[in-house]
Amino acid sequence: GPHAHETLRVAADEYAWLLSRGYPATATLSLIADRYRLRNRQRQALLRSVYSEAGRDARREKRVALKDCASSSIV
């Protein structure tokens, strides 16, 4: 519908907030997805793209700048 993008954004924010407070991912995803009546594809999007604050920070630390890997091979 016309508000699907906004609904997904709000759901993602709430999901991340709960994950950051230690709630279990599977149960939390079900809770949020049911609350916002998300379709399976939207649930999968949240599962694959939303992290707790600690998870987000850990992923950021692993990032490598393109200039730092220009002469390296990817393994």
PDB file of N, CA and C in Angstrom:
ATOM      1  N   GLY A   1       0.806  -1.190   0.000  1.00  0.00           N
ATOM      2  CA  GLY A   1       0.000   0.000   0.000  1.00  0.00           C
ATOM      3  C   GLY A   1       0.848   1.252   0.000  1.00  0.00           C
ATOM      4  N   PRO A   2       0.215   2.371   0.080  1.00  0.00           N
ATOM      5  CA  PRO A   2       0.924   3.647   0.010  1.00  0.00           C
ATOM      6  C   PRO A   2       1.824   3.920   1.213  1.00  0.00           C
ATOM      7  N   HIS A   3       1.574   3.243   2.317  1.00  0.00           N
ATOM      8  CA  HIS A   3       2.361   3.488   3.525  1.00  0.00           C
ATOM      9  C   HIS A   3       3.321   2.346   3.838  1.00  0.00           C
ATOM     10  N   ALA A   4       3.512   1.439   2.903  1.00  0.00           N
ATOM     11  CA  ALA A   4       4.323   0.243   3.153  1.00  0.00           C
ATOM     12  C   ALA A   4       5.765   0.589   3.515  1.00  0.00           C
ATOM     13  N   HIS A   5       6.344   1.549   2.822  1.00  0.00           N
ATOM     14  CA  HIS A   5       7.742   1.916   3.095  1.00  0.00           C
ATOM     15  C   HIS A   5       7.886   2.483   4.502  1.00  0.00           C
ATOM     16  N   GLU A   6       6.988   3.355   4.881  1.00  0.00           N
ATOM     17  CA  GLU A   6       7.029   3.948   6.221  1.00  0.00           C
ATOM     18  C   GLU A   6       6.791   2.883   7.292  1.00  0.00           C
ATOM     19  N   THR A   7       5.866   1.983   7.041  1.00  0.00           N
ATOM     20  CA  THR A   7       5.587   0.901   7.990  1.00  0.00           C
ATOM     21  C   THR A   7       6.822   0.030   8.179  1.00  0.00           C
ATOM     22  N   LEU A   8       7.488  -0.302   7.095  1.00  0.00           N
ATOM     23  CA  LEU A   8       8.685  -1.133   7.176  1.00  0.00           C
ATOM     24  C   LEU A   8       9.801  -0.409   7.929  1.00  0.00           C
ATOM     25  N   ARG A   9       9.935   0.893   7.711  1.00  0.00           N
ATOM     26  CA  ARG A   9      10.957   1.670   8.410  1.00  0.00           C
ATOM     27  C   ARG A   9      10.693   1.691   9.912  1.00  0.00           C
ATOM     28  N   VAL A  10       9.453   1.920  10.296  1.00  0.00           N
ATOM     29  CA  VAL A  10       9.095   1.941  11.716  1.00  0.00           C
ATOM     30  C   VAL A  10       9.311   0.558  12.333  1.00  0.00           C
ATOM     31  N   ALA A  11       8.913  -0.476  11.622  1.00  0.00           N
ATOM     32  CA  ALA A  11       9.114  -1.843  12.107  1.00  0.00           C
ATOM     33  C   ALA A  11      10.602  -2.132  12.290  1.00  0.00           C
ATOM     34  N   ALA A  12      11.424  -1.695  11.348  1.00  0.00           N
ATOM     35  CA  ALA A  12      12.871  -1.904  11.442  1.00  0.00           C
ATOM     36  C   ALA A  12      13.449  -1.173  12.648  1.00  0.00           C
ATOM     37  N   ASP A  13      12.998   0.045  12.884  1.00  0.00           N
ATOM     38  CA  ASP A  13      13.474   0.808  14.042  1.00  0.00           C
ATOM     39  C   ASP A  13      13.118   0.101  15.350  1.00  0.00           C
ATOM     40  N   GLU A  14      11.891  -0.373  15.445  1.00  0.00           N
ATOM     41  CA  GLU A  14      11.466  -1.064  16.663  1.00  0.00           C
ATOM     42  C   GLU A  14      12.206  -2.387  16.839  1.00  0.00           C
ATOM     43  N   TYR A  15      12.394  -3.099  15.751  1.00  0.00           N
ATOM     44  CA  TYR A  15      13.119  -4.373  15.798  1.00  0.00           C
ATOM     45  C   TYR A  15      14.550  -4.146  16.286  1.00  0.00           C
ATOM     46  N   ALA A  16      15.229  -3.151  15.732  1.00  0.00           N
ATOM     47  CA  ALA A  16      16.600  -2.839  16.148  1.00  0.00           C
ATOM     48  C   ALA A  16      16.643  -2.428  17.618  1.00  0.00           C
ATOM     49  N   TRP A  17      15.671  -1.646  18.048  1.00  0.00           N
ATOM     50  CA  TRP A  17      15.622  -1.187  19.435  1.00  0.00           C
ATOM     51  C   TRP A  17      15.513  -2.379  20.383  1.00  0.00           C
ATOM     52  N   LEU A  18      14.633  -3.312  20.056  1.00  0.00           N
ATOM     53  CA  LEU A  18      14.452  -4.493  20.903  1.00  0.00           C
ATOM     54  C   LEU A  18      15.685  -5.397  20.877  1.00  0.00           C
ATOM     55  N   LEU A  19      16.280  -5.575  19.705  1.00  0.00           N
ATOM     56  CA  LEU A  19      17.499  -6.389  19.617  1.00  0.00           C
ATOM     57  C   LEU A  19      18.611  -5.788  20.467  1.00  0.00           C
ATOM     58  N   SER A  20      18.711  -4.468  20.455  1.00  0.00           N
ATOM     59  CA  SER A  20      19.756  -3.781  21.221  1.00  0.00           C
ATOM     60  C   SER A  20      19.569  -3.937  22.721  1.00  0.00           C
ATOM     61  N   ARG A  21      18.386  -4.307  23.126  1.00  0.00           N
ATOM     62  CA  ARG A  21      18.112  -4.506  24.544  1.00  0.00           C
ATOM     63  C   ARG A  21      18.106  -5.974  24.930  1.00  0.00           C
ATOM     64  N   GLY A  22      18.614  -6.812  24.022  1.00  0.00           N
ATOM     65  CA  GLY A  22      18.827  -8.210  24.345  1.00  0.00           C
ATOM     66  C   GLY A  22      17.673  -9.155  24.085  1.00  0.00           C
ATOM     67  N   TYR A  23      16.633  -8.683  23.447  1.00  0.00           N
ATOM     68  CA  TYR A  23      15.518  -9.580  23.142  1.00  0.00           C
ATOM     69  C   TYR A  23      15.945 -10.573  22.066  1.00  0.00           C
ATOM     70  N   PRO A  24      15.460 -11.811  22.137  1.00  0.00           N
ATOM     71  CA  PRO A  24      15.854 -12.825  21.152  1.00  0.00           C
ATOM     72  C   PRO A  24      15.341 -12.481  19.752  1.00  0.00           C
ATOM     73  N   ALA A  25      16.199 -12.664  18.766  1.00  0.00           N
ATOM     74  CA  ALA A  25      15.904 -12.233  17.397  1.00  0.00           C
ATOM     75  C   ALA A  25      14.657 -12.891  16.811  1.00  0.00           C
ATOM     76  N   THR A  26      14.528 -14.192  16.946  1.00  0.00           N
ATOM     77  CA  THR A  26      13.416 -14.898  16.305  1.00  0.00           C
ATOM     78  C   THR A  26      12.066 -14.471  16.876  1.00  0.00           C
ATOM     79  N   ALA A  27      11.963 -14.474  18.188  1.00  0.00           N
ATOM     80  CA  ALA A  27      10.703 -14.085  18.828  1.00  0.00           C
ATOM     81  C   ALA A  27      10.389 -12.616  18.563  1.00  0.00           C
ATOM     82  N   THR A  28      11.415 -11.794  18.570  1.00  0.00           N
ATOM     83  CA  THR A  28      11.225 -10.365  18.338  1.00  0.00           C
ATOM     84  C   THR A  28      10.773 -10.101  16.912  1.00  0.00           C
ATOM     85  N   LEU A  29      11.363 -10.803  15.963  1.00  0.00           N
ATOM     86  CA  LEU A  29      10.944 -10.645  14.571  1.00  0.00           C
ATOM     87  C   LEU A  29       9.481 -11.039  14.410  1.00  0.00           C
ATOM     88  N   SER A  30       9.085 -12.134  15.024  1.00  0.00           N
ATOM     89  CA  SER A  30       7.682 -12.564  14.945  1.00  0.00           C
ATOM     90  C   SER A  30       6.755 -11.517  15.550  1.00  0.00           C
ATOM     91  N   LEU A  31       7.142 -10.986  16.693  1.00  0.00           N
ATOM     92  CA  LEU A  31       6.332  -9.971  17.361  1.00  0.00           C
ATOM     93  C   LEU A  31       6.147  -8.736  16.472  1.00  0.00           C
ATOM     94  N   ILE A  32       7.247  -8.228  15.951  1.00  0.00           N
ATOM     95  CA  ILE A  32       7.199  -7.023  15.118  1.00  0.00           C
ATOM     96  C   ILE A  32       6.451  -7.291  13.811  1.00  0.00           C
ATOM     97  N   ALA A  33       6.754  -8.409  13.185  1.00  0.00           N
ATOM     98  CA  ALA A  33       6.111  -8.736  11.907  1.00  0.00           C
ATOM     99  C   ALA A  33       4.604  -8.914  12.074  1.00  0.00           C
ATOM    100  N   ASP A  34       4.197  -9.534  13.163  1.00  0.00           N
ATOM    101  CA  ASP A  34       2.764  -9.700  13.413  1.00  0.00           C
ATOM    102  C   ASP A  34       2.106  -8.360  13.734  1.00  0.00           C
ATOM    103  N   ARG A  35       2.785  -7.559  14.515  1.00  0.00           N
ATOM    104  CA  ARG A  35       2.225  -6.252  14.893  1.00  0.00           C
ATOM    105  C   ARG A  35       1.963  -5.384  13.670  1.00  0.00           C
ATOM    106  N   TYR A  36       2.906  -5.394  12.733  1.00  0.00           N
ATOM    107  CA  TYR A  36       2.780  -4.550  11.544  1.00  0.00           C
ATOM    108  C   TYR A  36       2.235  -5.301  10.329  1.00  0.00           C
ATOM    109  N   ARG A  37       1.842  -6.553  10.543  1.00  0.00           N
ATOM    110  CA  ARG A  37       1.271  -7.383   9.477  1.00  0.00           C
ATOM    111  C   ARG A  37       2.174  -7.414   8.244  1.00  0.00           C
ATOM    112  N   LEU A  38       3.445  -7.698   8.494  1.00  0.00           N
ATOM    113  CA  LEU A  38       4.416  -7.729   7.406  1.00  0.00           C
ATOM    114  C   LEU A  38       4.291  -9.024   6.614  1.00  0.00           C
ATOM    115  N   ARG A  39       4.516  -8.912   5.338  1.00  0.00           N
ATOM    116  CA  ARG A  39       4.534 -10.089   4.466  1.00  0.00           C
ATOM    117  C   ARG A  39       5.858 -10.821   4.667  1.00  0.00           C
ATOM    118  N   ASN A  40       5.919 -12.050   4.200  1.00  0.00           N
ATOM    119  CA  ASN A  40       7.112 -12.862   4.388  1.00  0.00           C
ATOM    120  C   ASN A  40       8.361 -12.179   3.823  1.00  0.00           C
ATOM    121  N   ARG A  41       8.230 -11.572   2.667  1.00  0.00           N
ATOM    122  CA  ARG A  41       9.376 -10.883   2.050  1.00  0.00           C
ATOM    123  C   ARG A  41       9.867  -9.728   2.929  1.00  0.00           C
ATOM    124  N   GLN A  42       8.940  -9.016   3.552  1.00  0.00           N
ATOM    125  CA  GLN A  42       9.312  -7.917   4.442  1.00  0.00           C
ATOM    126  C   GLN A  42       9.979  -8.452   5.711  1.00  0.00           C
ATOM    127  N   ARG A  43       9.481  -9.572   6.215  1.00  0.00           N
ATOM    128  CA  ARG A  43      10.099 -10.206   7.384  1.00  0.00           C
ATOM    129  C   ARG A  43      11.546 -10.584   7.069  1.00  0.00           C
ATOM    130  N   GLN A  44      11.748 -11.168   5.900  1.00  0.00           N
ATOM    131  CA  GLN A  44      13.100 -11.561   5.494  1.00  0.00           C
ATOM    132  C   GLN A  44      14.011 -10.341   5.362  1.00  0.00           C
ATOM    133  N   ALA A  45      13.466  -9.254   4.862  1.00  0.00           N
ATOM    134  CA  ALA A  45      14.256  -8.024   4.734  1.00  0.00           C
ATOM    135  C   ALA A  45      14.725  -7.546   6.106  1.00  0.00           C
ATOM    136  N   LEU A  46      13.839  -7.576   7.085  1.00  0.00           N
ATOM    137  CA  LEU A  46      14.229  -7.170   8.436  1.00  0.00           C
ATOM    138  C   LEU A  46      15.281  -8.117   8.997  1.00  0.00           C
ATOM    139  N   LEU A  47      15.046  -9.398   8.840  1.00  0.00           N
ATOM    140  CA  LEU A  47      15.966 -10.403   9.368  1.00  0.00           C
ATOM    141  C   LEU A  47      17.376 -10.215   8.817  1.00  0.00           C
ATOM    142  N   ARG A  48      17.472  -9.869   7.553  1.00  0.00           N
ATOM    143  CA  ARG A  48      18.776  -9.772   6.887  1.00  0.00           C
ATOM    144  C   ARG A  48      19.424  -8.402   6.960  1.00  0.00           C
ATOM    145  N   SER A  49      18.680  -7.395   7.373  1.00  0.00           N
ATOM    146  CA  SER A  49      19.249  -6.047   7.293  1.00  0.00           C
ATOM    147  C   SER A  49      19.227  -5.243   8.585  1.00  0.00           C
ATOM    148  N   VAL A  50      18.589  -5.741   9.623  1.00  0.00           N
ATOM    149  CA  VAL A  50      18.483  -4.983  10.867  1.00  0.00           C
ATOM    150  C   VAL A  50      19.304  -5.673  11.945  1.00  0.00           C
ATOM    151  N   TYR A  51      20.094  -4.877  12.656  1.00  0.00           N
ATOM    152  CA  TYR A  51      20.981  -5.395  13.691  1.00  0.00           C
ATOM    153  C   TYR A  51      20.803  -4.604  14.972  1.00  0.00           C
ATOM    154  N   SER A  52      21.266  -5.182  16.057  1.00  0.00           N
ATOM    155  CA  SER A  52      21.329  -4.442  17.316  1.00  0.00           C
ATOM    156  C   SER A  52      22.407  -3.374  17.168  1.00  0.00           C
ATOM    157  N   GLU A  53      22.468  -2.455  18.116  1.00  0.00           N
ATOM    158  CA  GLU A  53      23.510  -1.429  18.066  1.00  0.00           C
ATOM    159  C   GLU A  53      24.894  -2.070  18.089  1.00  0.00           C
ATOM    160  N   ALA A  54      25.081  -3.067  18.939  1.00  0.00           N
ATOM    161  CA  ALA A  54      26.380  -3.745  19.029  1.00  0.00           C
ATOM    162  C   ALA A  54      26.702  -4.474  17.727  1.00  0.00           C
ATOM    163  N   GLY A  55      25.712  -5.116  17.143  1.00  0.00           N
ATOM    164  CA  GLY A  55      25.915  -5.810  15.873  1.00  0.00           C
ATOM    165  C   GLY A  55      26.258  -4.841  14.754  1.00  0.00           C
ATOM    166  N   ARG A  56      25.584  -3.712  14.751  1.00  0.00           N
ATOM    167  CA  ARG A  56      25.858  -2.683  13.745  1.00  0.00           C
ATOM    168  C   ARG A  56      27.283  -2.151  13.903  1.00  0.00           C
ATOM    169  N   ASP A  57      27.683  -1.890  15.143  1.00  0.00           N
ATOM    170  CA  ASP A  57      29.032  -1.378  15.395  1.00  0.00           C
ATOM    171  C   ASP A  57      30.091  -2.396  14.989  1.00  0.00           C
ATOM    172  N   ALA A  58      29.835  -3.668  15.269  1.00  0.00           N
ATOM    173  CA  ALA A  58      30.787  -4.721  14.899  1.00  0.00           C
ATOM    174  C   ALA A  58      30.941  -4.800  13.382  1.00  0.00           C
ATOM    175  N   ARG A  59      29.844  -4.656  12.661  1.00  0.00           N
ATOM    176  CA  ARG A  59      29.914  -4.681  11.194  1.00  0.00           C
ATOM    177  C   ARG A  59      30.678  -3.470  10.666  1.00  0.00           C
ATOM    178  N   ARG A  60      30.474  -2.326  11.278  1.00  0.00           N
ATOM    179  CA  ARG A  60      31.194  -1.114  10.855  1.00  0.00           C
ATOM    180  C   ARG A  60      32.697  -1.268  11.036  1.00  0.00           C
ATOM    181  N   GLU A  61      33.098  -1.901  12.130  1.00  0.00           N
ATOM    182  CA  GLU A  61      34.525  -2.083  12.396  1.00  0.00           C
ATOM    183  C   GLU A  61      35.195  -2.981  11.365  1.00  0.00           C
ATOM    184  N   LYS A  62      34.440  -3.862  10.747  1.00  0.00           N
ATOM    185  CA  LYS A  62      34.991  -4.795   9.764  1.00  0.00           C
ATOM    186  C   LYS A  62      35.091  -4.197   8.365  1.00  0.00           C
ATOM    187  N   ARG A  63      34.468  -3.045   8.163  1.00  0.00           N
ATOM    188  CA  ARG A  63      34.498  -2.443   6.832  1.00  0.00           C
ATOM    189  C   ARG A  63      35.913  -2.031   6.457  1.00  0.00           C
ATOM    190  N   VAL A  64      36.207  -2.157   5.187  1.00  0.00           N
ATOM    191  CA  VAL A  64      37.510  -1.775   4.656  1.00  0.00           C
ATOM    192  C   VAL A  64      37.268  -0.767   3.543  1.00  0.00           C
ATOM    193  N   ALA A  65      38.026   0.306   3.559  1.00  0.00           N
ATOM    194  CA  ALA A  65      37.891   1.322   2.520  1.00  0.00           C
ATOM    195  C   ALA A  65      38.351   0.753   1.185  1.00  0.00           C
ATOM    196  N   LEU A  66      37.698   1.158   0.133  1.00  0.00           N
ATOM    197  CA  LEU A  66      38.032   0.667  -1.201  1.00  0.00           C
ATOM    198  C   LEU A  66      39.492   0.944  -1.538  1.00  0.00           C
ATOM    199  N   LYS A  67      39.996   2.104  -1.173  1.00  0.00           N
ATOM    200  CA  LYS A  67      41.388   2.451  -1.476  1.00  0.00           C
ATOM    201  C   LYS A  67      42.375   1.523  -0.771  1.00  0.00           C
ATOM    202  N   ASP A  68      41.959   0.948   0.366  1.00  0.00           N
ATOM    203  CA  ASP A  68      42.834   0.056   1.120  1.00  0.00           C
ATOM    204  C   ASP A  68      42.891  -1.357   0.544  1.00  0.00           C
ATOM    205  N   CYS A  69      41.978  -1.671  -0.336  1.00  0.00           N
ATOM    206  CA  CYS A  69      41.979  -3.024  -0.892  1.00  0.00           C
ATOM    207  C   CYS A  69      42.128  -3.023  -2.413  1.00  0.00           C
ATOM    208  N   ALA A  70      42.461  -1.892  -2.981  1.00  0.00           N
ATOM    209  CA  ALA A  70      42.564  -1.778  -4.436  1.00  0.00           C
ATOM    210  C   ALA A  70      43.631  -2.705  -5.018  1.00  0.00           C
ATOM    211  N   SER A  71      44.719  -2.904  -4.301  1.00  0.00           N
ATOM    212  CA  SER A  71      45.793  -3.744  -4.836  1.00  0.00           C
ATOM    213  C   SER A  71      45.770  -5.161  -4.257  1.00  0.00           C
ATOM    214  N   SER A  72      44.746  -5.482  -3.505  1.00  0.00           N
ATOM    215  CA  SER A  72      44.645  -6.805  -2.884  1.00  0.00           C
ATOM    216  C   SER A  72      43.670  -7.687  -3.644  1.00  0.00           C
ATOM    217  N   SER A  73      43.873  -8.983  -3.518  1.00  0.00           N
ATOM    218  CA  SER A  73      42.899  -9.902  -4.094  1.00  0.00           C
ATOM    219  C   SER A  73      41.889 -10.265  -3.014  1.00  0.00           C
ATOM    220  N   ILE A  74      40.679 -10.503  -3.428  1.00  0.00           N
ATOM    221  CA  ILE A  74      39.622 -10.866  -2.490  1.00  0.00           C
ATOM    222  C   ILE A  74      39.594 -12.378  -2.369  1.00  0.00           C
ATOM    223  N   VAL A  75      39.654 -12.844  -1.139  1.00  0.00           N
ATOM    224  CA  VAL A  75      39.669 -14.286  -0.893  1.00  0.00           C
ATOM    225  C   VAL A  75      38.406 -14.680  -0.186  1.00  0.00           C
TER     226      VAL A  75
END
